[in-house]
């Protein structure tokens, strides 16, 4: 049995044009070529493959044969891959990054992250994205090491030498505990009451802020490197802690967590900065991503506690 030949990309493009346009004449108009060129291209493709792709007899319009239907998906895949290759090459020639590496603080609201990244995928479909989620100084550490070209960091983590920074909105932190927790059973706790209870605290996985505490009010602490784990432990009644409002807003509504009224609570707003290395200016895609984060987060900064 003879082996099939290798079609050219131009032959596949003509094949897809005939399928999509519905006829040889319509394909010729779409590709701005003579009908004879379209017919010749299909004939050559069929000869290369050793298969008839269109049934032409007894119909005014070419109709895909069973073999034509079977090969259509593969032809579209090859055409899509070639288009992606050309788009990426065009971007590289224009100075566009092949990949953007982004690191965000775990406190960044997930809905805002998804909003920005969804837009990024549409604006820069040829640019690959590598995403890291870290806490505190670990965000700045990845940027300083060159492992991330852009970081959305907390205020403290953005203040290291060698970084350029721009304000990027904030999120409200609220002290919460399970309804059964002693602090939640009082309408207002006495000053210093939090010192008698375990506080769940996020810890830094880098050494940039090693040994430093942020928003810690109790000498009794459990330290976690994962915000999701902290959230689950709080709902289980283990300790109290500060959480980003968007993460616990539904919990406050259904009262699986209670917002604590603490006169000496170290809560407030967790402020973000967009950071990059001072000696490495961001490229076009990274700049777009940074500016979009600033715009989206700044627009949502006027958050407030829900009516519970």
Protein backbone atom coordinates (compact mmCIF):
# COMPACT_ATOMS: atom_id res chain seq x y z
CA UNK A 1 0.00 0.00 0.00
CA UNK A 2 1.39 3.39 -1.04
CA UNK A 3 2.22 5.85 1.71
CA UNK A 4 0.38 9.23 1.60
CA UNK A 5 2.42 12.25 0.61
CA UNK A 6 2.89 15.40 2.66
CA UNK A 7 0.41 18.16 1.84
CA UNK A 8 1.56 21.77 1.80
CA UNK A 9 0.07 24.29 4.21
CA UNK A 10 -1.33 26.19 1.22
CA UNK A 11 -3.22 23.09 0.07
CA UNK A 12 -4.74 22.67 3.55
CA UNK A 13 -5.70 26.35 3.60
CA UNK A 14 -7.51 25.95 0.25
CA UNK A 15 -9.24 22.81 1.57
CA UNK A 16 -10.53 24.66 4.65
CA UNK A 17 -11.59 27.67 2.57
CA UNK A 18 -13.74 25.45 0.32
CA UNK A 19 -15.32 23.77 3.36
CA UNK A 20 -16.04 27.05 5.14
CA UNK A 21 -17.13 29.03 2.07
CA UNK A 22 -19.25 26.22 0.65
CA UNK A 23 -17.96 26.19 -2.92
CA UNK A 24 -14.84 26.54 -5.06
CA UNK A 25 -16.06 29.90 -6.36
CA UNK A 26 -16.70 31.28 -2.87
CA UNK A 27 -13.30 30.00 -1.71
CA UNK A 28 -11.64 31.76 -4.64
CA UNK A 29 -13.22 35.05 -3.58
CA UNK A 30 -12.24 34.52 0.04
CA UNK A 31 -8.61 33.80 -0.87
CA UNK A 32 -8.54 36.25 -3.79
CA UNK A 33 -7.47 33.54 -6.25
CA UNK A 34 -8.86 32.19 -9.51
CA UNK A 35 -11.32 29.30 -9.33
CA UNK A 36 -8.92 27.23 -11.44
CA UNK A 37 -6.21 27.70 -8.78
CA UNK A 38 -8.61 26.48 -6.07
CA UNK A 39 -9.63 23.46 -8.15
CA UNK A 40 -5.98 22.67 -8.95
CA UNK A 41 -5.01 22.95 -5.27
CA UNK A 42 -7.74 20.52 -4.15
CA UNK A 43 -6.82 18.07 -6.93
CA UNK A 44 -3.16 18.15 -5.87
CA UNK A 45 -4.14 17.67 -2.18
CA UNK A 46 -6.25 14.64 -3.06
CA UNK A 47 -3.39 13.25 -5.13
CA UNK A 48 -0.94 13.75 -2.26
CA UNK A 49 -3.20 11.96 0.20
CA UNK A 50 -4.49 9.33 -2.19
CA UNK A 51 -8.06 10.11 -1.08
CA UNK A 52 -11.06 11.88 -2.58
CA UNK A 53 -12.06 14.69 -0.21
CA UNK A 54 -15.03 16.14 -2.09
CA UNK A 55 -17.86 14.46 -4.03
CA UNK A 56 -18.45 16.69 -7.05
CA UNK A 57 -20.84 14.61 -9.14
CA UNK A 58 -24.57 15.29 -9.06
CA UNK A 59 -24.35 18.43 -6.94
CA UNK A 60 -23.77 22.10 -7.64
CA UNK A 61 -21.65 22.41 -4.50
CA UNK A 62 -18.76 20.17 -3.48
CA UNK A 63 -19.73 17.85 -0.64
CA UNK A 64 -17.24 16.36 1.81
CA UNK A 65 -16.73 12.62 1.44
CA UNK A 66 -16.40 10.36 4.46
CA UNK A 67 -12.61 10.67 4.14
CA UNK A 68 -12.92 14.47 3.88
CA UNK A 69 -14.94 14.58 7.10
CA UNK A 70 -12.38 12.36 8.84
CA UNK A 71 -9.46 14.65 7.92
CA UNK A 72 -11.22 17.98 8.50
CA UNK A 73 -10.44 18.19 12.25
CA UNK A 74 -6.76 17.41 11.65
CA UNK A 75 -6.56 20.09 8.96
CA UNK A 76 -8.09 22.65 11.34
CA UNK A 77 -5.62 21.68 14.07
CA UNK A 78 -2.66 22.14 11.72
CA UNK A 79 -4.02 25.46 10.47
CA UNK A 80 -4.62 26.70 14.03
CA UNK A 81 -1.12 25.70 15.05
CA UNK A 82 0.37 27.53 12.09
CA UNK A 83 -1.65 30.65 12.93
CA UNK A 84 -0.41 30.47 16.53
CA UNK A 85 3.17 30.07 15.31
CA UNK A 86 2.85 33.10 13.06
CA UNK A 87 1.25 35.17 15.85
CA UNK A 88 4.00 34.29 18.31
CA UNK A 89 6.69 35.03 15.72
CA UNK A 90 5.05 38.36 14.91
CA UNK A 91 5.01 39.21 18.61
CA UNK A 92 8.68 38.32 19.06
CA UNK A 93 9.62 40.48 16.11
CA UNK A 94 7.74 43.35 17.76
CA UNK A 95 9.52 42.83 21.10
CA UNK A 96 6.62 40.95 22.76
CA UNK A 97 7.55 38.50 25.50
CA UNK A 98 7.18 34.80 24.74
CA UNK A 99 6.21 34.21 28.38
CA UNK A 100 5.20 36.31 31.37
CA UNK A 101 5.90 34.99 34.87
CA UNK A 102 3.56 36.45 37.50
CA UNK A 103 3.59 36.06 41.27
CA UNK A 104 0.69 37.32 43.39
CA UNK A 105 0.12 37.53 47.12
CA UNK A 106 -2.39 35.01 48.40
CA UNK A 107 -4.45 37.93 49.77
CA UNK A 108 -5.28 39.12 46.23
CA UNK A 109 -9.00 38.47 45.62
CA UNK A 110 -9.36 35.45 43.35
CA UNK A 111 -12.18 37.01 41.33
CA UNK A 112 -9.97 40.01 40.45
CA UNK A 113 -7.08 37.71 39.53
CA UNK A 114 -9.38 35.69 37.26
CA UNK A 115 -10.81 38.85 35.67
CA UNK A 116 -7.39 40.23 34.74
CA UNK A 117 -5.97 36.92 33.53
CA UNK A 118 -9.04 36.22 31.40
CA UNK A 119 -8.59 39.59 29.68
CA UNK A 120 -4.86 38.91 29.28
CA UNK A 121 -5.57 35.63 27.50
CA UNK A 122 -7.74 37.47 24.96
CA UNK A 123 -5.38 40.41 24.43
CA UNK A 124 -2.17 38.34 24.25
CA UNK A 125 -3.19 34.85 23.10
CA UNK A 126 0.35 34.02 21.94
CA UNK A 127 2.02 34.84 25.29
CA UNK A 128 2.37 31.99 27.76
CA UNK A 129 1.77 32.77 31.44
CA UNK A 130 3.38 31.23 34.50
CA UNK A 131 1.52 31.97 37.76
CA UNK A 132 2.84 31.66 41.34
CA UNK A 133 0.84 32.36 44.51
CA UNK A 134 2.91 33.22 47.58
CA UNK A 135 2.70 35.08 50.90
CA UNK A 136 4.48 38.15 52.26
CA UNK A 137 8.18 38.34 51.36
CA UNK A 138 8.07 35.27 49.13
CA UNK A 139 6.39 37.43 46.44
CA UNK A 140 9.28 39.91 46.42
CA UNK A 141 11.82 37.08 46.63
CA UNK A 142 10.66 35.55 43.32
CA UNK A 143 10.79 38.94 41.60
CA UNK A 144 14.25 39.77 42.98
CA UNK A 145 15.57 36.34 41.89
CA UNK A 146 14.24 36.93 38.38
CA UNK A 147 11.86 33.97 38.63
CA UNK A 148 8.89 36.31 38.14
CA UNK A 149 8.83 39.39 35.94
CA UNK A 150 5.87 40.94 37.79
CA UNK A 151 4.62 40.67 41.35
CA UNK A 152 1.46 41.85 43.07
CA UNK A 153 2.81 42.09 46.60
CA UNK A 154 1.71 43.26 50.01
CA UNK A 155 2.90 46.64 51.21
CA UNK A 156 5.69 45.28 53.40
CA UNK A 157 7.03 42.88 50.76
CA UNK A 158 7.21 45.67 48.17
CA UNK A 159 9.66 47.78 50.19
CA UNK A 160 12.91 45.97 49.42
CA UNK A 161 15.80 47.58 47.56
CA UNK A 162 16.06 46.80 43.87
CA UNK A 163 12.32 46.95 43.21
CA UNK A 164 10.18 49.47 41.36
CA UNK A 165 6.67 49.68 42.80
CA UNK A 166 3.27 51.19 42.04
CA UNK A 167 0.23 51.26 44.33
CA UNK A 168 -2.25 48.58 43.30
CA UNK A 169 -5.32 48.92 45.49
CA UNK A 170 -6.10 47.10 48.71
CA UNK A 171 -8.38 44.58 50.35
CA UNK A 172 -10.07 44.87 53.73
CA UNK A 173 -8.92 42.53 56.51
CA UNK A 174 -11.44 41.54 59.16
CA UNK A 175 -10.89 39.58 62.41
CA UNK A 176 -13.06 36.46 62.42
CA UNK A 177 -13.74 33.31 64.41
CA UNK A 178 -16.27 30.49 64.44
CA UNK A 179 -19.59 31.19 66.21
CA UNK A 180 -18.60 28.84 69.04
CA UNK A 181 -15.31 30.62 69.74
CA UNK A 182 -15.22 32.53 73.07
CA UNK A 183 -14.36 35.80 71.29
CA UNK A 184 -17.44 35.42 69.08
CA UNK A 185 -19.78 34.93 72.04
CA UNK A 186 -19.27 38.52 73.21
CA UNK A 187 -20.60 41.56 71.38
CA UNK A 188 -17.44 43.49 72.27
CA UNK A 189 -14.29 41.95 73.70
CA UNK A 190 -12.30 43.69 76.38
CA UNK A 191 -8.94 45.22 75.40
CA UNK A 192 -6.29 42.53 75.56
CA UNK A 193 -8.79 39.64 75.39
CA UNK A 194 -7.25 38.35 72.15
CA UNK A 195 -4.02 37.59 74.02
CA UNK A 196 -5.72 34.64 75.73
CA UNK A 197 -6.61 32.89 72.49
CA UNK A 198 -4.72 31.24 69.66
CA UNK A 199 -4.25 33.53 66.64
CA UNK A 200 -3.82 31.88 63.25
CA UNK A 201 -1.10 33.76 61.35
CA UNK A 202 0.22 33.43 57.80
CA UNK A 203 3.95 32.82 57.74
CA UNK A 204 6.53 33.73 55.12
CA UNK A 205 8.12 30.97 53.04
CA UNK A 206 11.07 33.23 52.18
CA UNK A 207 13.83 34.58 54.39
CA UNK A 208 13.21 38.22 53.44
CA UNK A 209 10.90 38.84 56.38
CA UNK A 210 12.12 35.99 58.57
CA UNK A 211 11.51 36.64 62.26
CA UNK A 212 9.15 39.57 61.63
CA UNK A 213 5.50 39.53 62.64
CA UNK A 214 2.70 41.42 60.89
CA UNK A 215 -0.71 42.14 62.47
CA UNK A 216 -0.02 39.73 65.35
CA UNK A 217 -1.84 40.59 68.59
CA UNK A 218 -1.59 37.36 70.57
CA UNK A 219 1.50 35.67 72.01
CA UNK A 220 -0.23 32.36 71.28
CA UNK A 221 0.08 31.78 67.52
CA UNK A 222 -0.27 28.97 65.06
CA UNK A 223 1.59 29.73 61.86
CA UNK A 224 0.46 28.53 58.44
CA UNK A 225 1.78 29.08 54.94
CA UNK A 226 -1.57 28.51 53.26
CA UNK A 227 -4.58 30.86 53.38
CA UNK A 228 -6.99 28.06 52.51
CA UNK A 229 -5.80 26.00 55.48
CA UNK A 230 -6.18 29.04 57.74
CA UNK A 231 -9.73 29.55 56.47
CA UNK A 232 -10.69 25.92 57.16
CA UNK A 233 -9.20 25.96 60.66
CA UNK A 234 -11.04 29.17 61.53
CA UNK A 235 -14.35 27.63 60.45
CA UNK A 236 -13.52 24.56 62.53
CA UNK A 237 -13.28 26.78 65.62
CA UNK A 238 -9.51 26.63 66.01
CA UNK A 239 -8.36 30.11 66.99
CA UNK A 240 -9.17 33.49 65.49
CA UNK A 241 -7.46 35.47 62.76
CA UNK A 242 -7.61 38.22 60.19
CA UNK A 243 -8.92 37.28 56.76
CA UNK A 244 -9.46 39.17 53.48
CA UNK A 245 -13.10 40.24 53.37
CA UNK A 246 -13.81 38.76 49.89
CA UNK A 247 -12.71 35.31 51.13
CA UNK A 248 -15.04 35.26 54.16
CA UNK A 249 -17.92 37.45 52.96
CA UNK A 250 -20.24 34.49 52.35
CA UNK A 251 -19.20 32.93 55.66
CA UNK A 252 -20.20 36.15 57.44
CA UNK A 253 -23.57 36.12 55.70
CA UNK A 254 -24.38 32.53 56.66
CA UNK A 255 -22.73 33.03 60.08
CA UNK A 256 -20.32 30.14 59.77
CA UNK A 257 -17.80 32.82 60.78
CA UNK A 258 -18.40 35.87 62.96
CA UNK A 259 -16.76 39.27 62.51
CA UNK A 260 -15.16 40.05 65.87
CA UNK A 261 -15.47 43.45 67.54
CA UNK A 262 -11.95 43.79 68.95
CA UNK A 263 -10.87 47.20 70.30
CA UNK A 264 -7.21 46.27 69.88
CA UNK A 265 -7.57 44.33 66.62
CA UNK A 266 -4.67 44.76 64.17
CA UNK A 267 -7.03 44.59 61.19
CA UNK A 268 -7.40 47.24 58.49
CA UNK A 269 -6.56 47.29 54.79
CA UNK A 270 -3.97 45.06 53.19
CA UNK A 271 -2.38 47.27 50.53
CA UNK A 272 -0.93 45.87 47.33
CA UNK A 273 1.87 47.10 45.11
CA UNK A 274 2.76 46.02 41.58
CA UNK A 275 6.51 45.33 41.62
CA UNK A 276 9.25 44.48 39.16
CA UNK A 277 13.04 44.58 39.27
CA UNK A 278 14.42 48.07 38.82
CA UNK A 279 17.09 46.79 36.41
CA UNK A 280 14.59 44.86 34.27
CA UNK A 281 11.92 47.09 32.70
CA UNK A 282 8.76 45.12 31.87
CA UNK A 283 7.95 44.28 28.25
CA UNK A 284 4.68 45.13 26.49
CA UNK A 285 2.63 42.19 27.81
CA UNK A 286 3.97 42.56 31.36
CA UNK A 287 3.28 46.30 31.29
CA UNK A 288 -0.29 45.67 30.13
CA UNK A 289 -0.77 43.11 32.90
CA UNK A 290 0.60 45.49 35.55
CA UNK A 291 -1.56 48.40 34.42
CA UNK A 292 -4.67 46.21 34.29
CA UNK A 293 -4.13 44.95 37.83
CA UNK A 294 -3.72 48.54 39.03
CA UNK A 295 -6.91 49.64 37.27
CA UNK A 296 -9.05 46.69 38.44
CA UNK A 297 -7.83 46.75 42.04
CA UNK A 298 -8.05 50.52 42.36
CA UNK A 299 -11.63 50.47 41.07
CA UNK A 300 -12.64 47.94 43.72
CA UNK A 301 -10.73 49.54 46.59
CA UNK A 302 -13.79 51.24 48.09
CA UNK A 303 -14.90 48.00 49.69
CA UNK A 304 -17.00 47.88 52.83
CA UNK A 305 -18.23 45.37 55.32
CA UNK A 306 -21.48 43.71 54.25
CA UNK A 307 -24.62 44.13 56.33
CA UNK A 308 -24.66 41.00 58.41
